[in-house]
Amino acid sequence: MQSALGDAAVVDLSAGWEELAAVRSAGQQAGWLLQPDEFEIQSKIGMGSSGTVYQGVCRGAEVAIKKAHLRNARDAASFIQEVKVLSRLRSPHIVPFLGACLEPPDHCMLLTELQHGGTLRDWLYDSRKPQPLAKRLQVAIEIARGMQCIQESTPTTLHRDLKPTNILMGQDDHVKIADFSLARYMPAHSEPLTGETGTYFYMAPEVIRHEPYSGAADVYSFAVLLCELLTMVVPYSDKFLTPIQVAYSVADQGVQLRPTLPNNCDPALLALITMGWHDDPLKRPSFAVFAKQLDTIVHALLTSKPPSRPGSALGKFFGLE
């Protein structure tokens, strides 16, 4: 049933398919391996560096179909890795994996549940429907819980490109973390991850500096994203710098965002964000701590309790007092 999308360029992908047989076997056993005639590609939704996304139909259900961009062996290896990662993750806050077609080079597709709410960036900056603070923070809680699931998975997984355009809005404004094209497993007994990857505005300083990094790099990205949800301002937009200039400023000069809290917001939120982008990765809170503390802040906001002042439990927890 698949419609024609044009012929793929002829490139040497052989080195990128080393794990193809094993992943295909796993898909057959788990029931998610698809053949090209089992789904139909319809209209184009969007395009990124790793693939083009289409709306389609598979076995009678609406789906999102990502057709991988395969320009070289590295792209092939990244596509296989994305399939491996997403096929193992299960969370209400991660886009549901439905299957994959692994027939290189023309039929390399990743199928997920179709989300109709657009991206978090679309949702956040829609001037026709401004979102209240409590709702924006509730979205942050769901992202934190989804990221907690990712990092607590086996093996431990890093997303490495957490940003508003990689968060999809599902039914009733519930979020779904998406785009695992840069995701990697955390090495256990091998060389650490050191390569620069991600999006500069959200990238941790140790990643920019090509230093060894861990899941704390995702925490840093989340803290920047949380600041954006709080302020409704694109990160670093007031500094009039290019993305690479921002990266150098963050990595070499320790430049950070300076959010202004709304009048009705708990000052503990600023402390939480600040710890999230601490230059020392070991001092950044876990996603479990973020979710718990944000939940407390939202509850206080909705019940109109007075904001916390210096001496709060959160301040003591982080040693800020």
Protein backbone atom coordinates (compact mmCIF):
# COMPACT_ATOMS: atom_id res chain seq x y z
CA MET A 1 0.00 0.00 0.00
CA GLN A 2 2.97 2.33 0.36
CA SER A 3 3.03 5.32 -1.98
CA ALA A 4 6.10 6.22 -4.00
CA LEU A 5 8.53 8.68 -2.39
CA GLY A 6 11.23 8.66 -5.02
CA ASP A 7 14.38 6.60 -5.28
CA ALA A 8 16.94 6.78 -2.51
CA ALA A 9 20.42 7.95 -3.40
CA VAL A 10 22.90 5.17 -3.95
CA VAL A 11 25.38 5.38 -1.05
CA ASP A 12 27.51 2.89 0.85
CA LEU A 13 25.58 2.08 4.03
CA SER A 14 27.09 -1.32 4.69
CA ALA A 15 28.95 -0.34 7.85
CA GLY A 16 25.81 1.17 9.32
CA TRP A 17 23.78 -2.03 9.17
CA GLU A 18 25.94 -4.20 11.42
CA GLU A 19 23.10 -4.68 13.90
CA LEU A 20 20.32 -4.89 11.33
CA ALA A 21 19.84 -8.67 11.51
CA ALA A 22 19.65 -8.67 15.31
CA VAL A 23 17.19 -5.77 15.44
CA ARG A 24 15.05 -7.29 12.70
CA SER A 25 14.98 -10.59 14.61
CA ALA A 26 13.97 -8.79 17.79
CA GLY A 27 11.19 -7.04 15.87
CA GLN A 28 9.87 -10.30 14.49
CA GLN A 29 9.78 -11.84 17.96
CA ALA A 30 8.10 -8.80 19.51
CA GLY A 31 5.63 -8.41 16.64
CA TRP A 32 6.56 -4.89 15.57
CA LEU A 33 8.54 -5.62 12.39
CA LEU A 34 6.57 -4.33 9.39
CA GLN A 35 6.70 -4.99 5.67
CA PRO A 36 6.36 -2.10 3.17
CA ASP A 37 2.85 -3.22 2.09
CA GLU A 38 1.49 -3.09 5.66
CA PHE A 39 1.28 0.71 5.84
CA GLU A 40 0.39 3.61 3.58
CA ILE A 41 2.19 6.95 3.50
CA GLN A 42 -0.07 9.95 2.98
CA SER A 43 0.62 13.64 3.59
CA LYS A 44 3.90 15.17 4.74
CA ILE A 45 3.92 16.56 8.29
CA GLY A 46 7.45 17.88 8.66
CA MET A 47 11.13 17.30 8.09
CA GLY A 48 14.21 17.26 10.29
CA SER A 49 17.87 16.42 9.89
CA SER A 50 17.33 12.71 10.51
CA GLY A 51 14.17 12.12 8.48
CA THR A 52 10.91 13.27 6.94
CA VAL A 53 7.69 12.64 8.85
CA TYR A 54 4.43 11.74 7.14
CA GLN A 55 0.91 11.04 8.27
CA GLY A 56 -0.19 7.59 7.28
CA VAL A 57 -2.27 4.52 8.01
CA CYS A 58 -1.14 1.17 9.37
CA ARG A 59 -3.57 -1.68 9.96
CA GLY A 60 -6.47 0.75 10.00
CA ALA A 61 -4.96 3.21 12.49
CA GLU A 62 -3.61 6.72 11.94
CA VAL A 63 0.15 6.81 12.45
CA ALA A 64 3.16 9.06 12.07
CA ILE A 65 5.75 7.58 9.70
CA LYS A 66 9.32 8.80 9.82
CA LYS A 67 11.29 7.99 6.68
CA ALA A 68 14.97 8.00 7.59
CA HIS A 69 17.43 10.18 5.70
CA LEU A 70 20.22 7.76 4.79
CA ARG A 71 23.15 9.72 3.41
CA ASN A 72 25.95 7.61 4.86
CA ALA A 73 26.76 4.71 7.17
CA ARG A 74 26.47 6.96 10.22
CA ASP A 75 22.87 7.80 9.34
CA ALA A 76 22.12 4.09 8.96
CA ALA A 77 23.62 3.30 12.37
CA SER A 78 21.68 6.17 14.00
CA PHE A 79 18.41 4.94 12.51
CA ILE A 80 18.98 1.43 13.86
CA GLN A 81 19.86 2.89 17.25
CA GLU A 82 16.69 5.01 17.27
CA VAL A 83 14.57 1.95 16.55
CA LYS A 84 16.32 -0.01 19.31
CA VAL A 85 15.85 2.76 21.88
CA LEU A 86 12.26 3.67 21.14
CA SER A 87 11.08 0.06 20.86
CA ARG A 88 12.10 -0.51 24.50
CA LEU A 89 10.59 2.60 26.08
CA ARG A 90 7.10 2.65 27.59
CA SER A 91 5.72 5.75 29.28
CA PRO A 92 2.59 7.94 29.04
CA HIS A 93 4.99 10.80 28.30
CA ILE A 94 6.99 9.21 25.48
CA VAL A 95 5.58 8.97 21.96
CA PRO A 96 4.29 5.38 21.58
CA PHE A 97 6.35 3.16 19.29
CA LEU A 98 4.19 1.10 16.90
CA GLY A 99 6.69 -0.57 14.60
CA ALA A 100 9.44 -0.21 12.04
CA CYS A 101 10.17 -1.28 8.51
CA LEU A 102 13.79 -2.34 8.12
CA GLU A 103 14.29 -2.87 4.40
CA PRO A 104 17.28 -0.72 3.39
CA PRO A 105 17.87 1.48 1.65
CA ASP A 106 14.44 2.48 0.32
CA HIS A 107 12.14 1.30 3.11
CA CYS A 108 13.56 2.38 6.45
CA MET A 109 10.57 3.71 8.37
CA LEU A 110 9.76 4.28 12.03
CA LEU A 111 6.07 4.28 12.96
CA THR A 112 4.67 5.98 16.07
CA GLU A 113 1.28 7.05 17.31
CA LEU A 114 0.09 10.20 15.53
CA GLN A 115 -0.15 13.28 17.74
CA HIS A 116 -2.49 16.04 16.61
CA GLY A 117 -1.40 18.86 18.91
CA GLY A 118 1.78 19.94 17.16
CA THR A 119 5.02 20.60 19.01
CA LEU A 120 5.54 22.14 22.43
CA ARG A 121 6.97 25.21 20.71
CA ASP A 122 3.74 25.64 18.72
CA TRP A 123 1.71 25.23 21.92
CA LEU A 124 3.83 27.57 24.02
CA TYR A 125 4.01 30.45 21.55
CA ASP A 126 0.43 30.33 20.23
CA SER A 127 -0.73 33.91 20.83
CA ARG A 128 -4.34 32.87 20.26
CA LYS A 129 -4.29 30.60 23.28
CA PRO A 130 -1.93 31.79 26.03
CA GLN A 131 -1.27 29.07 28.58
CA PRO A 132 -1.50 29.79 32.33
CA LEU A 133 1.58 29.26 34.49
CA ALA A 134 0.19 26.22 36.30
CA LYS A 135 -0.50 24.50 32.97
CA ARG A 136 3.00 25.25 31.71
CA LEU A 137 4.53 23.83 34.86
CA GLN A 138 2.30 20.76 34.62
CA VAL A 139 3.73 20.19 31.15
CA ALA A 140 7.22 20.44 32.69
CA ILE A 141 6.29 17.76 35.24
CA GLU A 142 5.22 15.38 32.47
CA ILE A 143 8.46 15.99 30.57
CA ALA A 144 10.46 15.32 33.73
CA ARG A 145 8.59 12.06 34.31
CA GLY A 146 9.14 10.98 30.73
CA MET A 147 12.84 11.75 31.00
CA GLN A 148 12.98 9.90 34.31
CA CYS A 149 11.65 6.83 32.52
CA ILE A 150 14.26 7.22 29.78
CA GLN A 151 17.17 7.51 32.21
CA GLU A 152 15.94 4.72 34.47
CA SER A 153 15.50 2.32 31.56
CA THR A 154 17.84 -0.64 31.03
CA PRO A 155 20.30 0.13 29.62
CA THR A 156 20.38 3.74 30.80
CA THR A 157 19.47 5.98 27.88
CA LEU A 158 20.34 9.58 27.04
CA HIS A 159 18.04 11.59 24.77
CA ARG A 160 20.70 14.22 23.94
CA ASP A 161 18.41 16.66 22.11
CA LEU A 162 15.68 17.72 24.52
CA LYS A 163 14.00 20.90 23.24
CA PRO A 164 10.45 22.20 22.51
CA THR A 165 10.37 20.99 18.90
CA ASN A 166 11.11 17.44 20.08
CA ILE A 167 8.14 17.43 22.47
CA LEU A 168 4.75 16.65 20.93
CA MET A 169 1.38 17.63 22.32
CA GLY A 170 -1.10 14.80 22.58
CA GLN A 171 -4.70 14.63 23.69
CA ASP A 172 -5.77 17.19 26.33
CA ASP A 173 -2.34 18.88 26.15
CA HIS A 174 -0.45 15.89 27.55
CA VAL A 175 3.12 15.78 26.30
CA LYS A 176 5.00 13.07 24.43
CA ILE A 177 8.80 13.16 24.19
CA ALA A 178 9.82 12.39 20.61
CA ASP A 179 12.75 12.25 18.17
CA PHE A 180 15.28 9.77 19.51
CA SER A 181 17.58 10.11 16.50
CA LEU A 182 20.45 11.27 18.73
CA ALA A 183 19.65 8.97 21.66
CA ARG A 184 22.41 6.72 22.92
CA TYR A 185 22.88 4.15 25.67
CA MET A 186 25.12 5.23 28.52
CA PRO A 187 28.35 3.23 28.24
CA ALA A 188 28.88 0.93 31.21
CA HIS A 189 32.42 -0.37 30.78
CA SER A 190 33.72 1.41 27.72
CA GLU A 191 34.85 4.85 26.64
CA PRO A 192 32.50 7.62 27.89
CA LEU A 193 30.39 9.76 25.60
CA THR A 194 32.31 12.89 24.67
CA GLY A 195 31.16 14.10 21.24
CA GLU A 196 29.30 17.37 20.81
CA THR A 197 25.67 16.69 19.91
CA GLY A 198 22.27 18.30 20.31
CA THR A 199 21.08 21.89 19.91
CA TYR A 200 23.34 24.70 21.15
CA PHE A 201 20.71 26.68 23.06
CA TYR A 202 19.91 23.64 25.20
CA MET A 203 23.31 21.93 25.23
CA ALA A 204 25.19 21.35 28.49
CA PRO A 205 28.61 23.03 28.81
CA GLU A 206 30.43 19.71 29.23
CA VAL A 207 28.95 18.52 25.93
CA ILE A 208 30.02 21.71 24.14
CA ARG A 209 33.53 21.30 25.59
CA HIS A 210 33.71 17.67 24.36
CA GLU A 211 34.19 16.44 27.92
CA PRO A 212 32.80 13.13 29.22
CA TYR A 213 29.11 13.51 29.99
CA SER A 214 26.23 11.56 31.48
CA GLY A 215 22.47 11.84 31.92
CA ALA A 216 23.10 15.11 33.75
CA ALA A 217 23.51 16.69 30.30
CA ASP A 218 19.84 15.95 29.64
CA VAL A 219 19.03 17.53 33.01
CA TYR A 220 20.78 20.71 31.92
CA SER A 221 18.71 20.78 28.71
CA PHE A 222 15.56 20.29 30.75
CA ALA A 223 16.46 23.21 33.05
CA VAL A 224 16.79 25.51 30.03
CA LEU A 225 13.49 24.18 28.69
CA LEU A 226 11.85 24.72 32.09
CA CYS A 227 13.08 28.31 32.09
CA GLU A 228 11.53 28.77 28.66
CA LEU A 229 8.21 27.35 29.90
CA LEU A 230 8.34 29.73 32.84
CA THR A 231 9.22 32.91 30.94
CA MET A 232 7.69 32.12 27.52
CA VAL A 233 10.86 33.59 25.98
CA VAL A 234 13.19 31.79 23.57
CA PRO A 235 16.49 31.06 25.39
CA TYR A 236 19.17 33.74 25.02
CA SER A 237 17.02 35.78 22.63
CA ASP A 238 17.86 38.93 24.61
CA LYS A 239 21.59 38.51 23.98
CA PHE A 240 21.45 38.84 20.17
CA LEU A 241 23.98 36.05 19.67
CA THR A 242 24.18 33.31 17.08
CA PRO A 243 23.76 29.74 18.36
CA ILE A 244 27.50 29.07 18.20
CA GLN A 245 28.23 32.32 20.06
CA VAL A 246 25.80 31.20 22.76
CA ALA A 247 27.60 27.85 22.92
CA TYR A 248 30.99 29.49 23.42
CA SER A 249 29.54 31.82 26.06
CA VAL A 250 27.99 28.93 27.99
CA ALA A 251 31.06 26.70 27.76
CA ASP A 252 33.82 29.26 28.33
CA GLN A 253 32.19 32.05 30.32
CA GLY A 254 29.52 30.23 32.30
CA VAL A 255 26.73 32.37 30.85
CA GLN A 256 23.27 31.42 32.16
CA LEU A 257 19.71 32.55 31.59
CA ARG A 258 18.26 35.01 34.11
CA PRO A 259 14.55 34.27 34.49
CA THR A 260 12.19 36.65 36.26
CA LEU A 261 9.62 34.89 38.41
CA PRO A 262 5.93 35.80 38.09
CA ASN A 263 4.51 37.45 41.21
CA ASN A 264 2.53 34.38 42.27
CA CYS A 265 5.35 31.89 41.79
CA ASP A 266 7.33 30.11 44.50
CA PRO A 267 10.96 31.36 44.62
CA ALA A 268 11.94 27.71 45.11
CA LEU A 269 11.32 27.31 41.38
CA LEU A 270 14.21 29.64 40.58
CA ALA A 271 16.47 27.65 42.91
CA LEU A 272 15.44 24.44 41.19
CA ILE A 273 16.16 25.81 37.70
CA THR A 274 19.49 27.26 38.81
CA MET A 275 20.63 23.92 40.20
CA GLY A 276 19.51 22.24 36.98
CA TRP A 277 22.08 24.13 34.92
CA HIS A 278 24.86 23.97 37.52
CA ASP A 279 28.25 23.78 35.80
CA ASP A 280 29.09 20.71 37.91
CA PRO A 281 26.94 17.87 36.52
CA LEU A 282 27.07 16.00 39.85
CA LYS A 283 25.22 18.87 41.55
CA ARG A 284 22.26 18.87 39.16
CA PRO A 285 19.01 17.37 40.54
CA SER A 286 17.67 14.13 39.08
CA PHE A 287 14.51 14.11 36.99
CA ALA A 288 12.75 12.41 39.92
CA VAL A 289 13.61 15.41 42.14
CA PHE A 290 12.47 17.83 39.43
CA ALA A 291 9.11 16.06 39.07
CA LYS A 292 8.52 15.90 42.83
CA GLN A 293 9.46 19.52 43.54
CA LEU A 294 7.54 20.87 40.55
CA ASP A 295 4.48 18.95 41.67
CA THR A 296 4.73 20.63 45.09
CA ILE A 297 5.11 24.06 43.47
CA VAL A 298 2.12 23.55 41.17
CA HIS A 299 -0.04 22.31 44.06
CA ALA A 300 0.83 25.43 46.06
CA LEU A 301 0.09 27.62 43.04
CA LEU A 302 -3.32 26.05 42.47
CA THR A 303 -4.29 26.20 46.15
CA SER A 304 -3.07 29.80 46.48
CA LYS A 305 -0.67 29.00 49.30
CA PRO A 306 1.89 31.72 50.05
CA PRO A 307 5.17 31.33 48.14
CA SER A 308 8.15 29.80 49.94
CA ARG A 309 10.70 32.22 51.31
CA PRO A 310 14.37 31.79 52.27
CA GLY A 311 14.41 28.91 54.70
CA SER A 312 12.28 26.68 52.47
CA ALA A 313 12.86 22.95 52.50
CA LEU A 314 14.01 23.10 48.88
CA GLY A 315 16.63 25.71 49.65
CA LYS A 316 17.97 23.61 52.48
CA PHE A 317 17.88 20.49 50.31
CA PHE A 318 20.16 22.11 47.74
CA GLY A 319 22.35 23.76 50.37
CA LEU A 320 21.47 27.25 49.18
CA GLU A 321 21.04 28.67 52.68
